[in-house]
Amino acid sequence: MSDELANVEVSDIDFGPEKIIVVDDEPGVRRFLERSLSAQGWQVIAVEGAQDVLNVLEGDAGYALVISDVRMPGRSGLWLLGQITGNHADTFVVMITGDVDVKTARESLTHGAEDYISKPVDVDDLVEVVKRALATRRMRMDNRTHREGLERLVQVRTSDLEETVEELREANAHVEQAYRESIYRLSAAAEYRDEATGNHIRRMGIYSYLIAREMGWDESFLRSILVASPMHDVGKIGVPDSILLKPGKLTAQEFEEIKKHTTVGARILSGSSSILMQMAESIALTHHEKFDGSGYPQGLQGENIPAEGRIVAIADVFDALTSKRVYKAEHSVDKALLIMREEMKGSFDPAAEAALTAVLDEVLEAKERYRDSETGSASADETPDPFQVLESLQNFAIGIE
């Protein structure tokens, strides 16, 4: 048990000599009760009526017990009981009743009285009832103090936990930013040899995000694919320029070489404990797999292809068809979609195809926003800063939701 918890188990209340108010309209009864209780060491004052009790409590709320006659002129003892239980919860009440009022006194217990004493009052019974009432009061106040201490401790621990979670969240954000920077730098290094600008990897992130969002993926998946999808062709770093930049048709041997960029990319990205990097590895390996099983490098079919691979596959093909490359001209959007539906029928996940169609307006907005350079070459000034690109990409994706 912790020191904090041990501390809250011990009451800090100093009860001292507990104070009692006696109220009865008969002077002789008041004096008898006052003398009997004072002889036990309690501080006792005696008053005549119910309102007198309330006046005393208004001036000093530290009274532990009120002993009240049930029947009194004016305000009754039951009325006084209601006032005390409603406004002075730490003051207990014991009722004094004659034989004819025993039923009323018992009913008063259900309205907050701690106990009752029958007339004529026996001193021993009186002292026993008062001791029992005061002991119960001390126990309840101790329990309340303990409970409040536990609540304070829980609040402190909760606050500490929230601070720790926030620190972990901030640390995780820094780690995630580092992964993102690494991803972008690797992506930019690969694409710089093959693309006029870095806009292809910008578009890939947004297209993949939009398609995945339309397919109903959760926020964690969306954040990951937004940043991981630009890594799809990182393995092109291992493809010779003579093949990668060849303007004409590739030979069978050259095509086999370029196909290796999937496995090369996966090896580059493998071995990370980061979910983000693991997704990037999966995308690099599977984004050329086809839904009908005719893709590469593993010939996976249907849902055996990871969802991220299926999503990036259709985003990559759409962007490739609608962009100019050294080996092909740019197709119109309609022509590209026709090729994908007819010439490439069976290549794509039908759900991903439907999602692309549903978000096509947003895809085209992203395409226009991140259009390739008209010159077909990139200057040093056009090489995008990874942080600026990532921030722009994320802001755009968030803005179109």
Protein backbone atom coordinates (compact mmCIF):
# COMPACT_ATOMS: atom_id res chain seq x y z
CA MET A 1 0.00 0.00 0.00
CA SER A 2 1.34 3.43 -0.94
CA ASP A 3 2.10 6.12 1.64
CA GLU A 4 -0.59 8.31 0.05
CA LEU A 5 -3.21 5.61 0.49
CA ALA A 6 -2.13 4.92 4.08
CA ASN A 7 -2.45 8.59 4.92
CA VAL A 8 -6.04 8.81 3.79
CA GLU A 9 -7.03 5.85 5.96
CA VAL A 10 -6.40 7.77 9.18
CA SER A 11 -8.94 10.45 10.08
CA ASP A 12 -7.57 13.95 10.49
CA ILE A 13 -10.70 15.01 12.42
CA ASP A 14 -10.10 16.16 16.00
CA PHE A 15 -13.50 15.56 17.61
CA GLY A 16 -12.41 16.93 21.01
CA PRO A 17 -15.10 17.26 23.72
CA GLU A 18 -18.24 16.76 21.64
CA LYS A 19 -20.94 19.38 22.09
CA ILE A 20 -24.62 18.62 22.61
CA ILE A 21 -27.78 20.74 22.47
CA VAL A 22 -30.75 19.70 24.61
CA VAL A 23 -34.17 21.14 23.68
CA ASP A 24 -37.33 20.66 25.77
CA ASP A 25 -40.10 23.04 26.71
CA GLU A 26 -40.13 21.73 30.34
CA PRO A 27 -37.43 23.45 32.46
CA GLY A 28 -37.07 20.50 34.82
CA VAL A 29 -36.42 18.06 31.96
CA ARG A 30 -33.90 20.44 30.40
CA ARG A 31 -31.95 20.74 33.66
CA PHE A 32 -32.02 16.97 34.21
CA LEU A 33 -30.71 16.24 30.73
CA GLU A 34 -28.08 18.97 30.94
CA ARG A 35 -26.71 17.76 34.30
CA SER A 36 -26.73 14.07 33.31
CA LEU A 37 -24.81 14.64 30.10
CA SER A 38 -22.38 17.23 31.48
CA ALA A 39 -21.40 14.73 34.16
CA GLN A 40 -20.07 12.50 31.35
CA GLY A 41 -17.70 15.22 30.14
CA TRP A 42 -19.74 16.49 27.20
CA GLN A 43 -20.28 20.18 26.60
CA VAL A 44 -24.04 20.73 26.88
CA ILE A 45 -26.34 23.68 26.40
CA ALA A 46 -30.10 23.55 27.01
CA VAL A 47 -32.66 25.60 25.08
CA GLU A 48 -36.43 25.89 25.19
CA GLY A 49 -37.62 25.65 21.58
CA ALA A 50 -36.86 24.44 18.07
CA GLN A 51 -35.97 27.86 16.72
CA ASP A 52 -33.48 28.33 19.57
CA VAL A 53 -31.64 25.23 18.37
CA LEU A 54 -31.38 26.58 14.83
CA ASN A 55 -30.12 29.92 16.14
CA VAL A 56 -27.34 28.12 18.03
CA LEU A 57 -26.40 26.02 14.99
CA GLU A 58 -26.30 29.09 12.76
CA GLY A 59 -23.72 30.60 15.07
CA ASP A 60 -21.73 27.41 15.62
CA ALA A 61 -22.11 24.42 13.30
CA GLY A 62 -19.76 22.32 15.43
CA TYR A 63 -22.44 20.70 17.58
CA ALA A 64 -22.36 16.93 17.35
CA LEU A 65 -25.80 16.07 18.67
CA VAL A 66 -29.25 17.54 19.31
CA ILE A 67 -31.55 15.80 21.79
CA SER A 68 -35.06 17.00 21.13
CA ASP A 69 -38.51 16.38 22.57
CA VAL A 70 -41.01 15.32 19.94
CA ARG A 71 -43.85 17.47 21.28
CA MET A 72 -43.09 21.15 21.92
CA PRO A 73 -45.18 24.31 21.68
CA GLY A 74 -44.86 26.00 18.30
CA ARG A 75 -42.40 24.13 16.10
CA SER A 76 -42.34 20.41 16.87
CA GLY A 77 -39.36 18.16 17.23
CA LEU A 78 -40.15 16.54 13.89
CA TRP A 79 -40.04 19.93 12.18
CA LEU A 80 -36.70 20.60 13.85
CA LEU A 81 -35.44 17.18 12.67
CA GLY A 82 -36.21 18.11 9.06
CA GLN A 83 -34.37 21.42 9.38
CA ILE A 84 -31.27 19.83 10.88
CA THR A 85 -31.02 16.90 8.46
CA GLY A 86 -31.53 19.28 5.54
CA ASN A 87 -29.04 21.96 6.58
CA HIS A 88 -26.66 20.50 9.20
CA ALA A 89 -25.77 17.02 8.02
CA ASP A 90 -22.94 16.60 10.54
CA THR A 91 -25.27 17.16 13.49
CA PHE A 92 -27.08 14.02 14.62
CA VAL A 93 -30.51 14.02 16.25
CA VAL A 94 -31.93 11.84 19.05
CA MET A 95 -35.65 12.18 19.79
CA ILE A 96 -37.27 12.06 23.27
CA THR A 97 -40.83 10.82 23.36
CA GLY A 98 -43.59 9.89 25.74
CA ASP A 99 -45.34 6.55 25.54
CA VAL A 100 -48.09 7.86 23.28
CA ASP A 101 -45.50 9.18 20.79
CA VAL A 102 -43.36 6.04 20.42
CA LYS A 103 -44.82 5.32 16.98
CA THR A 104 -44.03 8.88 15.89
CA ALA A 105 -40.50 8.61 17.28
CA ARG A 106 -39.91 5.39 15.39
CA GLU A 107 -41.16 6.98 12.19
CA SER A 108 -38.71 9.82 12.78
CA LEU A 109 -35.88 7.31 12.35
CA THR A 110 -36.84 7.01 8.69
CA HIS A 111 -36.54 10.79 8.37
CA GLY A 112 -33.00 11.04 9.67
CA ALA A 113 -33.09 10.69 13.45
CA GLU A 114 -30.28 8.53 14.80
CA ASP A 115 -32.21 7.09 17.78
CA TYR A 116 -34.93 7.88 20.31
CA ILE A 117 -35.38 7.73 24.11
CA SER A 118 -38.67 7.15 25.91
CA LYS A 119 -39.90 9.17 28.87
CA PRO A 120 -39.36 8.99 31.74
CA VAL A 121 -35.69 9.18 30.77
CA ASP A 122 -33.34 6.77 32.51
CA VAL A 123 -29.84 8.22 32.95
CA ASP A 124 -28.07 5.02 31.98
CA ASP A 125 -30.24 4.61 28.88
CA LEU A 126 -29.65 8.25 28.01
CA VAL A 127 -25.88 7.95 28.28
CA GLU A 128 -25.85 4.69 26.30
CA VAL A 129 -27.94 6.16 23.47
CA VAL A 130 -25.79 9.30 23.31
CA LYS A 131 -22.55 7.31 23.28
CA ARG A 132 -23.87 5.10 20.52
CA ALA A 133 -25.04 8.08 18.45
CA LEU A 134 -21.73 9.91 18.85
CA ALA A 135 -19.75 6.76 17.97
CA THR A 136 -21.83 6.32 14.82
CA ARG A 137 -21.26 9.98 13.92
CA ARG A 138 -17.49 9.63 14.37
CA MET A 139 -17.45 6.49 12.23
CA ARG A 140 -19.46 8.11 9.42
CA MET A 141 -17.32 11.23 9.43
CA ASP A 142 -14.16 9.10 9.46
CA ASN A 143 -15.50 7.12 6.49
CA ARG A 144 -16.37 10.30 4.66
CA THR A 145 -12.93 11.73 5.29
CA HIS A 146 -11.37 8.50 4.07
CA ARG A 147 -13.58 8.49 0.97
CA GLU A 148 -12.77 12.12 0.21
CA GLY A 149 -9.09 11.35 0.66
CA LEU A 150 -9.37 8.47 -1.78
CA GLU A 151 -11.19 10.71 -4.24
CA ARG A 152 -8.44 13.30 -3.97
CA LEU A 153 -5.86 10.58 -4.46
CA VAL A 154 -7.72 9.29 -7.52
CA GLN A 155 -7.83 12.84 -8.89
CA VAL A 156 -4.09 13.25 -8.35
CA ARG A 157 -3.34 9.86 -9.89
CA THR A 158 -5.69 10.59 -12.80
CA SER A 159 -4.03 13.93 -13.38
CA ASP A 160 -0.59 12.28 -13.27
CA LEU A 161 -1.79 9.59 -15.69
CA GLU A 162 -3.20 12.20 -18.06
CA GLU A 163 0.12 14.05 -18.00
CA THR A 164 1.99 10.81 -18.68
CA VAL A 165 -0.35 9.94 -21.55
CA GLU A 166 0.12 13.41 -23.00
CA GLU A 167 3.90 13.08 -22.74
CA LEU A 168 3.72 9.69 -24.46
CA ARG A 169 1.45 11.16 -27.12
CA GLU A 170 3.93 13.97 -27.76
CA ALA A 171 6.84 11.53 -27.85
CA ASN A 172 4.92 9.29 -30.24
CA ALA A 173 4.17 12.30 -32.43
CA HIS A 174 7.89 13.07 -32.65
CA VAL A 175 8.64 9.45 -33.55
CA GLU A 176 5.86 9.45 -36.13
CA GLN A 177 7.21 12.68 -37.60
CA ALA A 178 10.66 11.10 -37.87
CA TYR A 179 9.17 8.09 -39.68
CA ARG A 180 7.27 10.39 -41.99
CA GLU A 181 10.39 12.36 -42.82
CA SER A 182 12.28 9.14 -43.53
CA ILE A 183 9.46 7.91 -45.73
CA TYR A 184 9.30 11.11 -47.70
CA ARG A 185 13.05 11.35 -48.18
CA LEU A 186 13.22 7.78 -49.48
CA SER A 187 10.18 8.35 -51.70
CA ALA A 188 11.61 11.57 -53.11
CA ALA A 189 14.97 9.91 -53.75
CA ALA A 190 13.33 7.12 -55.76
CA GLU A 191 10.87 9.29 -57.67
CA TYR A 192 13.39 12.03 -58.49
CA ARG A 193 14.96 9.75 -61.10
CA ASP A 194 11.64 8.78 -62.66
CA GLU A 195 9.27 11.75 -62.32
CA ALA A 196 9.40 15.38 -63.48
CA THR A 197 8.52 16.57 -59.98
CA GLY A 198 7.69 15.16 -56.59
CA ASN A 199 4.00 15.69 -57.24
CA HIS A 200 3.38 12.03 -58.04
CA ILE A 201 4.06 11.00 -54.46
CA ARG A 202 1.88 13.84 -53.21
CA ARG A 203 -0.99 12.65 -55.36
CA MET A 204 -0.48 9.03 -54.35
CA GLY A 205 -0.94 9.89 -50.69
CA ILE A 206 -4.14 11.84 -51.31
CA TYR A 207 -5.65 9.40 -53.82
CA SER A 208 -5.01 6.46 -51.50
CA TYR A 209 -6.43 8.36 -48.53
CA LEU A 210 -9.61 9.29 -50.41
CA ILE A 211 -10.21 5.77 -51.72
CA ALA A 212 -9.59 4.21 -48.29
CA ARG A 213 -11.88 6.73 -46.62
CA GLU A 214 -14.69 5.95 -49.09
CA MET A 215 -14.19 2.24 -48.37
CA GLY A 216 -14.84 2.91 -44.68
CA TRP A 217 -11.41 2.44 -43.13
CA ASP A 218 -10.81 3.92 -39.68
CA GLU A 219 -8.77 7.00 -38.87
CA SER A 220 -5.65 5.03 -37.91
CA PHE A 221 -5.59 3.25 -41.28
CA LEU A 222 -6.25 6.51 -43.13
CA ARG A 223 -3.40 8.32 -41.39
CA SER A 224 -1.05 5.47 -42.15
CA ILE A 225 -1.93 5.04 -45.82
CA LEU A 226 -1.76 8.80 -46.35
CA VAL A 227 1.90 8.78 -45.37
CA ALA A 228 2.96 5.24 -46.32
CA SER A 229 1.57 5.09 -49.88
CA PRO A 230 4.21 7.46 -51.32
CA MET A 231 6.75 4.71 -50.53
CA HIS A 232 5.25 2.31 -53.08
CA ASP A 233 8.11 2.68 -55.60
CA VAL A 234 11.04 3.17 -53.24
CA GLY A 235 12.57 -0.01 -54.68
CA LYS A 236 13.19 1.83 -57.97
CA ILE A 237 16.37 3.04 -56.33
CA GLY A 238 17.74 -0.39 -57.30
CA VAL A 239 16.65 -0.22 -60.96
CA PRO A 240 19.28 0.99 -63.48
CA ASP A 241 18.57 4.29 -65.25
CA SER A 242 18.89 2.57 -68.65
CA ILE A 243 15.76 0.59 -67.80
CA LEU A 244 13.91 3.02 -65.57
CA LEU A 245 14.17 5.92 -68.03
CA LYS A 246 13.95 3.93 -71.27
CA PRO A 247 11.51 5.72 -73.61
CA GLY A 248 10.64 2.64 -75.65
CA LYS A 249 9.10 -0.72 -74.89
CA LEU A 250 10.95 -2.86 -72.36
CA THR A 251 12.32 -6.25 -73.33
CA ALA A 252 11.17 -9.28 -71.36
CA GLN A 253 14.47 -9.27 -69.44
CA GLU A 254 14.21 -5.55 -68.70
CA PHE A 255 10.66 -5.99 -67.48
CA GLU A 256 11.82 -8.73 -65.11
CA GLU A 257 14.42 -6.29 -63.76
CA ILE A 258 11.91 -3.52 -63.19
CA LYS A 259 9.53 -5.93 -61.47
CA LYS A 260 12.20 -6.42 -58.81
CA HIS A 261 11.52 -2.93 -57.44
CA THR A 262 8.67 -4.44 -55.41
CA THR A 263 10.86 -6.89 -53.51
CA VAL A 264 13.76 -4.42 -53.28
CA GLY A 265 11.42 -1.81 -51.77
CA ALA A 266 10.03 -4.32 -49.28
CA ARG A 267 13.56 -5.27 -48.18
CA ILE A 268 14.50 -1.62 -47.71
CA LEU A 269 11.47 -1.06 -45.48
CA SER A 270 11.48 -4.39 -43.63
CA GLY A 271 12.31 -5.03 -39.99
CA SER A 272 10.61 -1.98 -38.45
CA SER A 273 8.38 -2.15 -35.37
CA SER A 274 6.46 0.89 -36.62
CA ILE A 275 2.97 0.16 -37.93
CA LEU A 276 3.51 2.95 -40.43
CA MET A 277 6.71 1.40 -41.81
CA GLN A 278 5.13 -2.05 -41.83
CA MET A 279 2.32 -0.71 -44.00
CA ALA A 280 4.87 0.98 -46.28
CA GLU A 281 6.67 -2.38 -46.64
CA SER A 282 3.39 -4.12 -47.49
CA ILE A 283 2.52 -1.47 -50.08
CA ALA A 284 5.94 -1.62 -51.72
CA LEU A 285 5.65 -5.39 -52.07
CA THR A 286 2.01 -5.73 -53.18
CA HIS A 287 0.98 -2.64 -55.16
CA HIS A 288 1.51 -4.49 -58.47
CA GLU A 289 -0.53 -7.52 -57.45
CA LYS A 290 -3.82 -7.87 -59.38
CA PHE A 291 -7.18 -8.92 -58.04
CA ASP A 292 -7.42 -11.75 -60.58
CA GLY A 293 -4.04 -13.15 -59.53
CA SER A 294 -2.11 -12.09 -62.64
CA GLY A 295 0.08 -9.52 -60.90
CA TYR A 296 3.56 -9.70 -59.38
CA PRO A 297 5.77 -10.51 -57.52
CA GLN A 298 3.74 -13.23 -55.74
CA GLY A 299 0.65 -13.63 -57.92
CA LEU A 300 -1.68 -12.99 -55.00
CA GLN A 301 -5.39 -13.04 -55.69
CA GLY A 302 -8.47 -11.27 -54.28
CA GLU A 303 -8.43 -10.42 -50.61
CA ASN A 304 -5.16 -12.31 -50.15
CA ILE A 305 -3.70 -9.03 -51.34
CA PRO A 306 -3.50 -6.68 -48.33
CA ALA A 307 -6.08 -3.89 -48.42
CA GLU A 308 -3.39 -1.22 -48.60
CA GLY A 309 -1.87 -2.94 -51.64
CA ARG A 310 -5.24 -3.10 -53.40
CA ILE A 311 -5.93 0.57 -52.70
CA VAL A 312 -2.52 1.84 -53.79
CA ALA A 313 -2.63 -0.36 -56.92
CA ILE A 314 -5.64 1.43 -58.36
CA ALA A 315 -4.41 4.87 -57.24
CA ASP A 316 -1.03 4.24 -58.88
CA VAL A 317 -2.47 3.04 -62.19
CA PHE A 318 -4.93 5.93 -62.40
CA ASP A 319 -2.16 8.45 -61.76
CA ALA A 320 0.20 6.74 -64.22
CA LEU A 321 -2.42 6.72 -66.99
CA THR A 322 -3.34 10.38 -66.48
CA SER A 323 0.29 11.58 -66.27
CA LYS A 324 3.03 12.03 -68.86
CA ARG A 325 5.97 9.63 -68.66
CA VAL A 326 9.12 9.16 -70.75
CA TYR A 327 7.56 6.09 -72.32
CA LYS A 328 3.96 7.36 -72.83
CA ALA A 329 1.71 10.35 -73.33
CA GLU A 330 -0.86 11.57 -70.83
CA HIS A 331 -4.34 10.08 -71.19
CA SER A 332 -7.54 11.95 -70.46
CA VAL A 333 -9.45 10.94 -67.35
CA ASP A 334 -12.22 9.32 -69.42
CA LYS A 335 -9.68 7.38 -71.50
CA ALA A 336 -7.84 6.25 -68.39
CA LEU A 337 -11.03 4.99 -66.77
CA LEU A 338 -11.98 3.18 -69.97
CA ILE A 339 -8.61 1.43 -70.08
CA MET A 340 -8.95 0.42 -66.44
CA ARG A 341 -12.46 -0.95 -66.98
CA GLU A 342 -11.86 -2.78 -70.26
CA GLU A 343 -8.19 -3.45 -71.00
CA MET A 344 -7.35 -4.00 -67.33
CA LYS A 345 -10.59 -5.70 -66.34
CA GLY A 346 -10.09 -7.97 -63.32
CA SER A 347 -6.95 -6.16 -62.17
CA PHE A 348 -8.52 -4.18 -59.34
CA ASP A 349 -10.54 -4.76 -56.21
CA PRO A 350 -14.16 -3.94 -57.22
CA ALA A 351 -14.67 -2.12 -53.91
CA ALA A 352 -11.63 0.06 -54.59
CA GLU A 353 -12.86 0.74 -58.15
CA ALA A 354 -16.24 1.82 -56.82
CA ALA A 355 -14.56 4.02 -54.22
CA LEU A 356 -12.38 5.71 -56.86
CA THR A 357 -15.49 6.49 -58.91
CA ALA A 358 -17.26 7.88 -55.84
CA VAL A 359 -14.42 10.25 -54.93
CA LEU A 360 -13.35 11.10 -58.47
CA ASP A 361 -14.19 14.80 -58.11
CA GLU A 362 -11.92 15.06 -55.08
CA VAL A 363 -9.22 13.03 -56.83
CA LEU A 364 -9.29 15.41 -59.79
CA GLU A 365 -9.13 18.38 -57.45
CA ALA A 366 -5.97 16.89 -55.94
CA LYS A 367 -4.60 16.15 -59.41
CA GLU A 368 -5.10 19.77 -60.45
CA ARG A 369 -3.60 21.07 -57.23
CA TYR A 370 -0.50 18.91 -57.64
CA ARG A 371 -0.13 18.92 -61.42
CA ASP A 372 3.25 17.88 -62.88
CA SER A 373 5.71 20.46 -64.18
CA GLU A 374 5.03 21.58 -67.75
CA THR A 375 8.75 21.62 -68.54
CA GLY A 376 9.24 17.94 -67.83
CA SER A 377 12.26 18.66 -65.65
CA ALA A 378 12.76 19.64 -62.07
CA SER A 379 15.06 22.34 -60.83
CA ALA A 380 16.62 22.31 -57.39
CA ASP A 381 14.06 24.85 -56.27
CA GLU A 382 11.24 22.53 -57.32
CA THR A 383 12.48 19.62 -55.21
CA PRO A 384 9.90 19.63 -52.40
CA ASP A 385 10.88 19.96 -48.77
CA PRO A 386 9.57 16.83 -46.99
CA PHE A 387 7.98 18.69 -44.12
CA GLN A 388 6.25 21.20 -46.38
CA VAL A 389 4.96 18.49 -48.69
CA LEU A 390 3.71 16.34 -45.83
CA GLU A 391 1.97 19.26 -44.14
CA SER A 392 0.39 20.36 -47.42
CA LEU A 393 -0.69 16.81 -48.21
CA GLN A 394 -2.22 16.28 -44.79
CA ASN A 395 -3.95 19.64 -44.70
CA PHE A 396 -5.45 19.02 -48.12
CA ALA A 397 -6.67 15.55 -47.18
CA ILE A 398 -8.17 16.80 -43.91
CA GLY A 399 -9.73 19.79 -45.64
CA ILE A 400 -11.67 17.71 -48.14
CA GLU A 401 -13.41 15.55 -45.56
